[in-house]
PDB file of N, CA and C in Angstrom:
ATOM      1  N   MET A   1     -10.074  11.170 -16.531  1.00  0.00           N
ATOM      2  CA  MET A   1      -9.153  10.499 -15.534  1.00  0.00           C
ATOM      3  C   MET A   1      -8.113   9.723 -16.220  1.00  0.00           C
ATOM      4  N   PRO A   2      -6.700   9.575 -16.109  1.00  0.00           N
ATOM      5  CA  PRO A   2      -6.014   8.985 -16.819  1.00  0.00           C
ATOM      6  C   PRO A   2      -5.841   7.808 -16.391  1.00  0.00           C
ATOM      7  N   SER A   3      -5.664   6.695 -17.452  1.00  0.00           N
ATOM      8  CA  SER A   3      -5.504   5.305 -17.236  1.00  0.00           C
ATOM      9  C   SER A   3      -4.006   5.130 -16.264  1.00  0.00           C
ATOM     10  N   ASP A   4      -4.053   3.749 -15.542  1.00  0.00           N
ATOM     11  CA  ASP A   4      -2.887   3.407 -14.766  1.00  0.00           C
ATOM     12  C   ASP A   4      -1.553   3.643 -15.793  1.00  0.00           C
ATOM     13  N   ARG A   5      -2.026   3.272 -16.864  1.00  0.00           N
ATOM     14  CA  ARG A   5      -0.777   3.366 -17.960  1.00  0.00           C
ATOM     15  C   ARG A   5      -0.026   4.594 -18.204  1.00  0.00           C
ATOM     16  N   ASP A   6      -0.978   5.886 -17.838  1.00  0.00           N
ATOM     17  CA  ASP A   6      -0.746   7.344 -18.069  1.00  0.00           C
ATOM     18  C   ASP A   6      -0.085   7.500 -16.642  1.00  0.00           C
ATOM     19  N   LEU A   7      -0.280   7.032 -15.474  1.00  0.00           N
ATOM     20  CA  LEU A   7       0.277   7.815 -14.381  1.00  0.00           C
ATOM     21  C   LEU A   7       1.809   7.322 -14.333  1.00  0.00           C
ATOM     22  N   THR A   8       2.321   8.567 -13.720  1.00  0.00           N
ATOM     23  CA  THR A   8       3.463   8.336 -13.428  1.00  0.00           C
ATOM     24  C   THR A   8       4.083   7.448 -12.088  1.00  0.00           C
ATOM     25  N   LYS A   9       5.352   7.024 -12.128  1.00  0.00           N
ATOM     26  CA  LYS A   9       5.475   6.211 -10.692  1.00  0.00           C
ATOM     27  C   LYS A   9       5.371   7.042  -9.523  1.00  0.00           C
ATOM     28  N   GLN A  10       5.508   8.157  -9.409  1.00  0.00           N
ATOM     29  CA  GLN A  10       5.139   9.003  -8.400  1.00  0.00           C
ATOM     30  C   GLN A  10       3.946   9.044  -8.132  1.00  0.00           C
ATOM     31  N   GLU A  11       3.021   9.235  -9.267  1.00  0.00           N
ATOM     32  CA  GLU A  11       1.674   9.337  -8.778  1.00  0.00           C
ATOM     33  C   GLU A  11       1.105   7.964  -8.675  1.00  0.00           C
ATOM     34  N   LEU A  12       1.581   6.807  -8.937  1.00  0.00           N
ATOM     35  CA  LEU A  12       1.067   5.618  -8.409  1.00  0.00           C
ATOM     36  C   LEU A  12       1.578   5.308  -6.965  1.00  0.00           C
ATOM     37  N   GLY A  13       2.870   5.602  -6.532  1.00  0.00           N
ATOM     38  CA  GLY A  13       3.096   5.619  -5.176  1.00  0.00           C
ATOM     39  C   GLY A  13       2.095   6.403  -4.494  1.00  0.00           C
ATOM     40  N   ALA A  14       1.981   7.521  -4.808  1.00  0.00           N
ATOM     41  CA  ALA A  14       1.060   8.455  -3.962  1.00  0.00           C
ATOM     42  C   ALA A  14      -0.386   8.015  -3.776  1.00  0.00           C
ATOM     43  N   GLN A  15      -0.999   7.335  -4.908  1.00  0.00           N
ATOM     44  CA  GLN A  15      -2.031   6.595  -4.603  1.00  0.00           C
ATOM     45  C   GLN A  15      -2.062   5.618  -3.937  1.00  0.00           C
ATOM     46  N   LEU A  16      -0.924   4.608  -3.563  1.00  0.00           N
ATOM     47  CA  LEU A  16      -0.672   3.409  -3.176  1.00  0.00           C
ATOM     48  C   LEU A  16      -0.688   3.918  -1.804  1.00  0.00           C
ATOM     49  N   ALA A  17       0.164   5.039  -1.323  1.00  0.00           N
ATOM     50  CA  ALA A  17       0.252   5.663  -0.106  1.00  0.00           C
ATOM     51  C   ALA A  17      -1.016   5.732   0.435  1.00  0.00           C
ATOM     52  N   ARG A  18      -2.011   6.496  -0.077  1.00  0.00           N
ATOM     53  CA  ARG A  18      -3.143   7.145   0.165  1.00  0.00           C
ATOM     54  C   ARG A  18      -4.027   5.880   0.555  1.00  0.00           C
ATOM     55  N   ARG A  19      -4.455   4.653  -0.314  1.00  0.00           N
ATOM     56  CA  ARG A  19      -4.983   3.520  -0.109  1.00  0.00           C
ATOM     57  C   ARG A  19      -4.604   2.749   1.176  1.00  0.00           C
ATOM     58  N   LEU A  20      -3.128   2.582   1.248  1.00  0.00           N
ATOM     59  CA  LEU A  20      -2.615   2.082   2.356  1.00  0.00           C
ATOM     60  C   LEU A  20      -2.801   2.766   3.581  1.00  0.00           C
ATOM     61  N   ARG A  21      -2.725   4.032   4.028  1.00  0.00           N
ATOM     62  CA  ARG A  21      -2.953   4.616   5.031  1.00  0.00           C
ATOM     63  C   ARG A  21      -4.465   4.767   5.598  1.00  0.00           C
ATOM     64  N   GLU A  22      -5.055   4.855   4.447  1.00  0.00           N
ATOM     65  CA  GLU A  22      -6.913   5.286   4.565  1.00  0.00           C
ATOM     66  C   GLU A  22      -7.186   3.712   5.291  1.00  0.00           C
ATOM     67  N   LYS A  23      -6.982   2.526   4.829  1.00  0.00           N
ATOM     68  CA  LYS A  23      -7.291   1.287   4.659  1.00  0.00           C
ATOM     69  C   LYS A  23      -7.008   0.921   6.321  1.00  0.00           C
ATOM     70  N   ARG A  24      -5.445   1.353   6.390  1.00  0.00           N
ATOM     71  CA  ARG A  24      -5.075   0.838   7.811  1.00  0.00           C
ATOM     72  C   ARG A  24      -5.781   1.570   8.983  1.00  0.00           C
ATOM     73  N   LEU A  25      -6.133   2.748   8.646  1.00  0.00           N
ATOM     74  CA  LEU A  25      -6.776   3.512   9.730  1.00  0.00           C
ATOM     75  C   LEU A  25      -8.260   3.130   9.944  1.00  0.00           C
ATOM     76  N   ALA A  26      -8.797   2.845   9.276  1.00  0.00           N
ATOM     77  CA  ALA A  26     -10.166   2.502   8.793  1.00  0.00           C
ATOM     78  C   ALA A  26     -10.295   1.223   9.722  1.00  0.00           C
ATOM     79  N   LEU A  27      -9.106   0.223   9.724  1.00  0.00           N
ATOM     80  CA  LEU A  27      -9.254  -1.080  10.294  1.00  0.00           C
ATOM     81  C   LEU A  27      -8.604  -0.765  11.957  1.00  0.00           C
ATOM     82  N   GLY A  28      -8.299   0.321  11.911  1.00  0.00           N
ATOM     83  CA  GLY A  28      -7.755   0.825  13.709  1.00  0.00           C
ATOM     84  C   GLY A  28      -6.573   0.129  13.503  1.00  0.00           C
ATOM     85  N   LEU A  29      -5.783  -0.005  12.800  1.00  0.00           N
ATOM     86  CA  LEU A  29      -4.577  -0.737  12.979  1.00  0.00           C
ATOM     87  C   LEU A  29      -3.335   0.249  13.029  1.00  0.00           C
ATOM     88  N   SER A  30      -2.467   0.170  14.315  1.00  0.00           N
ATOM     89  CA  SER A  30      -1.328   0.898  14.037  1.00  0.00           C
ATOM     90  C   SER A  30      -0.294   0.653  13.148  1.00  0.00           C
ATOM     91  N   VAL A  31       0.724   1.302  12.920  1.00  0.00           N
ATOM     92  CA  VAL A  31       1.851   0.928  11.889  1.00  0.00           C
ATOM     93  C   VAL A  31       2.689  -0.399  12.225  1.00  0.00           C
ATOM     94  N   ASP A  32       2.743  -0.395  13.769  1.00  0.00           N
ATOM     95  CA  ASP A  32       3.386  -1.551  14.170  1.00  0.00           C
ATOM     96  C   ASP A  32       2.372  -2.947  14.122  1.00  0.00           C
ATOM     97  N   LYS A  33       1.124  -2.681  14.389  1.00  0.00           N
ATOM     98  CA  LYS A  33       0.062  -4.052  14.278  1.00  0.00           C
ATOM     99  C   LYS A  33       0.089  -4.362  12.590  1.00  0.00           C
ATOM    100  N   LEU A  34       0.368  -3.431  11.694  1.00  0.00           N
ATOM    101  CA  LEU A  34      -0.075  -3.734  10.411  1.00  0.00           C
ATOM    102  C   LEU A  34       1.279  -4.413  10.063  1.00  0.00           C
ATOM    103  N   ALA A  35       2.409  -3.789  10.585  1.00  0.00           N
ATOM    104  CA  ALA A  35       3.952  -4.738   9.953  1.00  0.00           C
ATOM    105  C   ALA A  35       4.000  -5.973  10.526  1.00  0.00           C
ATOM    106  N   ALA A  36       3.391  -5.947  12.131  1.00  0.00           N
ATOM    107  CA  ALA A  36       3.408  -7.599  12.261  1.00  0.00           C
ATOM    108  C   ALA A  36       2.565  -8.346  11.391  1.00  0.00           C
ATOM    109  N   ALA A  37       1.265  -8.046  11.535  1.00  0.00           N
ATOM    110  CA  ALA A  37       0.315  -8.790  10.451  1.00  0.00           C
ATOM    111  C   ALA A  37       0.754  -8.831   9.092  1.00  0.00           C
ATOM    112  N   ALA A  38       1.631  -8.118   8.665  1.00  0.00           N
ATOM    113  CA  ALA A  38       2.011  -8.402   6.842  1.00  0.00           C
ATOM    114  C   ALA A  38       3.244  -8.837   6.895  1.00  0.00           C
ATOM    115  N   GLY A  39       4.074  -8.950   8.237  1.00  0.00           N
ATOM    116  CA  GLY A  39       5.362  -9.513   8.184  1.00  0.00           C
ATOM    117  C   GLY A  39       6.314  -8.757   7.356  1.00  0.00           C
ATOM    118  N   THR A  40       6.386  -7.591   7.657  1.00  0.00           N
ATOM    119  CA  THR A  40       7.214  -6.449   7.217  1.00  0.00           C
ATOM    120  C   THR A  40       7.454  -5.482   8.081  1.00  0.00           C
ATOM    121  N   GLY A  41       8.650  -4.642   7.926  1.00  0.00           N
ATOM    122  CA  GLY A  41       8.999  -3.726   8.870  1.00  0.00           C
ATOM    123  C   GLY A  41       8.455  -2.510   8.889  1.00  0.00           C
ATOM    124  N   ARG A  42       8.314  -2.013  10.121  1.00  0.00           N
ATOM    125  CA  ARG A  42       7.517  -0.772  10.413  1.00  0.00           C
ATOM    126  C   ARG A  42       8.012   0.607   9.391  1.00  0.00           C
ATOM    127  N   ALA A  43       9.416   0.439   9.251  1.00  0.00           N
ATOM    128  CA  ALA A  43       9.824   1.673   8.453  1.00  0.00           C
ATOM    129  C   ALA A  43       9.237   1.486   7.104  1.00  0.00           C
ATOM    130  N   GLN A  44       9.362   0.305   6.564  1.00  0.00           N
ATOM    131  CA  GLN A  44       8.777   0.172   5.362  1.00  0.00           C
ATOM    132  C   GLN A  44       7.539   0.688   4.809  1.00  0.00           C
ATOM    133  N   ILE A  45       6.564   0.432   5.868  1.00  0.00           N
ATOM    134  CA  ILE A  45       4.968   1.081   5.967  1.00  0.00           C
ATOM    135  C   ILE A  45       5.200   2.746   5.904  1.00  0.00           C
ATOM    136  N   VAL A  46       5.825   3.094   6.921  1.00  0.00           N
ATOM    137  CA  VAL A  46       5.984   4.453   7.019  1.00  0.00           C
ATOM    138  C   VAL A  46       6.373   5.203   5.746  1.00  0.00           C
ATOM    139  N   ARG A  47       7.659   4.433   4.975  1.00  0.00           N
ATOM    140  CA  ARG A  47       8.091   5.195   3.655  1.00  0.00           C
ATOM    141  C   ARG A  47       6.833   4.800   2.728  1.00  0.00           C
ATOM    142  N   LEU A  48       6.476   4.086   2.599  1.00  0.00           N
ATOM    143  CA  LEU A  48       5.253   3.715   1.679  1.00  0.00           C
ATOM    144  C   LEU A  48       4.060   4.754   1.843  1.00  0.00           C
ATOM    145  N   GLU A  49       3.490   4.782   3.103  1.00  0.00           N
ATOM    146  CA  GLU A  49       2.524   5.736   3.551  1.00  0.00           C
ATOM    147  C   GLU A  49       2.992   7.328   3.316  1.00  0.00           C
ATOM    148  N   ARG A  50       4.358   7.658   3.140  1.00  0.00           N
ATOM    149  CA  ARG A  50       4.897   8.888   2.802  1.00  0.00           C
ATOM    150  C   ARG A  50       4.872   9.146   1.376  1.00  0.00           C
ATOM    151  N   GLY A  51       4.835   8.082   0.491  1.00  0.00           N
ATOM    152  CA  GLY A  51       4.994   7.974  -0.758  1.00  0.00           C
ATOM    153  C   GLY A  51       6.533   7.922  -1.288  1.00  0.00           C
ATOM    154  N   SER A  52       7.208   7.567  -0.603  1.00  0.00           N
ATOM    155  CA  SER A  52       8.857   7.213  -0.570  1.00  0.00           C
ATOM    156  C   SER A  52       9.214   5.884  -0.309  1.00  0.00           C
ATOM    157  N   GLY A  53       8.517   5.047  -1.232  1.00  0.00           N
ATOM    158  CA  GLY A  53       8.770   3.739  -0.589  1.00  0.00           C
ATOM    159  C   GLY A  53       9.774   3.093  -1.793  1.00  0.00           C
ATOM    160  N   GLY A  54       9.915   3.994  -3.049  1.00  0.00           N
ATOM    161  CA  GLY A  54      10.647   3.673  -4.118  1.00  0.00           C
ATOM    162  C   GLY A  54       9.861   2.463  -4.958  1.00  0.00           C
ATOM    163  N   ALA A  55      10.746   1.569  -5.523  1.00  0.00           N
ATOM    164  CA  ALA A  55       9.953   0.724  -6.140  1.00  0.00           C
ATOM    165  C   ALA A  55       9.761  -0.427  -5.430  1.00  0.00           C
ATOM    166  N   THR A  56       8.430  -0.591  -5.056  1.00  0.00           N
ATOM    167  CA  THR A  56       7.980  -1.634  -3.946  1.00  0.00           C
ATOM    168  C   THR A  56       7.764  -2.955  -5.009  1.00  0.00           C
ATOM    169  N   GLY A  57       8.085  -3.928  -4.220  1.00  0.00           N
ATOM    170  CA  GLY A  57       8.139  -5.180  -5.114  1.00  0.00           C
ATOM    171  C   GLY A  57       6.838  -5.948  -4.643  1.00  0.00           C
ATOM    172  N   LEU A  58       6.324  -6.685  -5.526  1.00  0.00           N
ATOM    173  CA  LEU A  58       4.872  -7.432  -5.511  1.00  0.00           C
ATOM    174  C   LEU A  58       4.658  -7.937  -4.380  1.00  0.00           C
ATOM    175  N   ASP A  59       5.864  -8.789  -3.646  1.00  0.00           N
ATOM    176  CA  ASP A  59       5.690  -9.483  -2.616  1.00  0.00           C
ATOM    177  C   ASP A  59       5.288  -8.667  -1.534  1.00  0.00           C
ATOM    178  N   THR A  60       5.844  -7.637  -1.521  1.00  0.00           N
ATOM    179  CA  THR A  60       5.745  -6.540  -0.367  1.00  0.00           C
ATOM    180  C   THR A  60       4.296  -5.999  -0.303  1.00  0.00           C
ATOM    181  N   ILE A  61       3.823  -5.810  -1.673  1.00  0.00           N
ATOM    182  CA  ILE A  61       2.280  -5.300  -1.923  1.00  0.00           C
ATOM    183  C   ILE A  61       1.278  -6.506  -1.509  1.00  0.00           C
ATOM    184  N   ALA A  62       1.886  -7.739  -1.826  1.00  0.00           N
ATOM    185  CA  ALA A  62       0.888  -8.718  -1.216  1.00  0.00           C
ATOM    186  C   ALA A  62       0.784  -9.072   0.094  1.00  0.00           C
ATOM    187  N   MET A  63       2.003  -8.891   0.772  1.00  0.00           N
ATOM    188  CA  MET A  63       2.262  -9.312   2.355  1.00  0.00           C
ATOM    189  C   MET A  63       1.169  -8.098   2.969  1.00  0.00           C
ATOM    190  N   LEU A  64       1.596  -6.755   2.506  1.00  0.00           N
ATOM    191  CA  LEU A  64       0.562  -5.661   3.021  1.00  0.00           C
ATOM    192  C   LEU A  64      -0.982  -5.745   2.766  1.00  0.00           C
ATOM    193  N   ALA A  65      -1.346  -6.476   1.548  1.00  0.00           N
ATOM    194  CA  ALA A  65      -2.629  -6.346   0.880  1.00  0.00           C
ATOM    195  C   ALA A  65      -3.379  -7.678   1.982  1.00  0.00           C
ATOM    196  N   LYS A  66      -2.602  -8.648   2.060  1.00  0.00           N
ATOM    197  CA  LYS A  66      -3.201  -9.847   2.916  1.00  0.00           C
ATOM    198  C   LYS A  66      -3.458  -9.301   4.604  1.00  0.00           C
ATOM    199  N   GLY A  67      -2.442  -8.523   4.767  1.00  0.00           N
ATOM    200  CA  GLY A  67      -2.566  -7.639   6.311  1.00  0.00           C
ATOM    201  C   GLY A  67      -3.866  -6.839   6.623  1.00  0.00           C
ATOM    202  N   LEU A  68      -4.085  -6.294   5.498  1.00  0.00           N
ATOM    203  CA  LEU A  68      -5.114  -5.430   5.330  1.00  0.00           C
ATOM    204  C   LEU A  68      -6.524  -6.054   4.731  1.00  0.00           C
ATOM    205  N   GLY A  69      -6.353  -7.232   4.703  1.00  0.00           N
ATOM    206  CA  GLY A  69      -7.503  -8.082   3.816  1.00  0.00           C
ATOM    207  C   GLY A  69      -8.140  -7.415   2.592  1.00  0.00           C
ATOM    208  N   VAL A  70      -6.942  -7.042   1.691  1.00  0.00           N
ATOM    209  CA  VAL A  70      -7.965  -6.463   0.427  1.00  0.00           C
ATOM    210  C   VAL A  70      -6.812  -7.292  -0.735  1.00  0.00           C
ATOM    211  N   SER A  71      -7.487  -6.935  -1.779  1.00  0.00           N
ATOM    212  CA  SER A  71      -6.483  -7.800  -2.947  1.00  0.00           C
ATOM    213  C   SER A  71      -5.224  -6.636  -3.231  1.00  0.00           C
ATOM    214  N   PRO A  72      -4.297  -7.629  -3.722  1.00  0.00           N
ATOM    215  CA  PRO A  72      -3.090  -6.654  -3.987  1.00  0.00           C
ATOM    216  C   PRO A  72      -3.231  -5.711  -5.090  1.00  0.00           C
ATOM    217  N   ALA A  73      -4.046  -6.329  -6.184  1.00  0.00           N
ATOM    218  CA  ALA A  73      -4.555  -5.467  -7.085  1.00  0.00           C
ATOM    219  C   ALA A  73      -5.090  -3.933  -6.694  1.00  0.00           C
ATOM    220  N   TRP A  74      -6.054  -4.072  -5.653  1.00  0.00           N
ATOM    221  CA  TRP A  74      -6.629  -2.902  -5.157  1.00  0.00           C
ATOM    222  C   TRP A  74      -5.577  -2.239  -4.307  1.00  0.00           C
ATOM    223  N   LEU A  75      -4.776  -2.817  -3.690  1.00  0.00           N
ATOM    224  CA  LEU A  75      -3.749  -1.964  -2.969  1.00  0.00           C
ATOM    225  C   LEU A  75      -2.601  -1.110  -3.806  1.00  0.00           C
ATOM    226  N   ALA A  76      -2.322  -1.808  -4.921  1.00  0.00           N
ATOM    227  CA  ALA A  76      -1.354  -1.021  -5.816  1.00  0.00           C
ATOM    228  C   ALA A  76      -2.175  -0.306  -6.890  1.00  0.00           C
ATOM    229  N   PHE A  77      -3.322  -0.556  -7.243  1.00  0.00           N
ATOM    230  CA  PHE A  77      -3.913   0.302  -8.272  1.00  0.00           C
ATOM    231  C   PHE A  77      -5.301   0.529  -8.060  1.00  0.00           C
ATOM    232  N   GLY A  78      -6.028  -0.070  -6.995  1.00  0.00           N
ATOM    233  CA  GLY A  78      -7.269   0.599  -6.884  1.00  0.00           C
ATOM    234  C   GLY A  78      -8.268  -0.456  -7.519  1.00  0.00           C
ATOM    235  N   ASP A  79      -7.706  -1.461  -8.231  1.00  0.00           N
ATOM    236  CA  ASP A  79      -8.610  -2.111  -8.924  1.00  0.00           C
ATOM    237  C   ASP A  79      -9.598  -2.983  -7.744  1.00  0.00           C
ATOM    238  N   SER A  80     -10.641  -3.414  -8.391  1.00  0.00           N
ATOM    239  CA  SER A  80     -11.733  -4.181  -7.341  1.00  0.00           C
ATOM    240  C   SER A  80     -11.386  -5.680  -7.377  1.00  0.00           C
ATOM    241  N   ALA A  81     -10.717  -6.039  -8.681  1.00  0.00           N
ATOM    242  CA  ALA A  81     -10.487  -7.233  -8.757  1.00  0.00           C
ATOM    243  C   ALA A  81      -9.516  -8.154  -7.709  1.00  0.00           C
TER     244      ALA A  81
END
């Protein structure tokens, strides 16, 4: 398995999209409820879950992680830290 440094931006985005969607669904949250909890827009979450969020800022990742009850490192990279 390649390290995070070997992954392309597209691959990192796809992995973030998968973790975001799977965790949101596991918590029973709609996109709208997560957007409200994270203080971000619905459209941004939809784009991220599709893997087309572009260069997602650390502040956005941190807000989404808080709304999901996970660490920003886990959401961004799958790290347990």
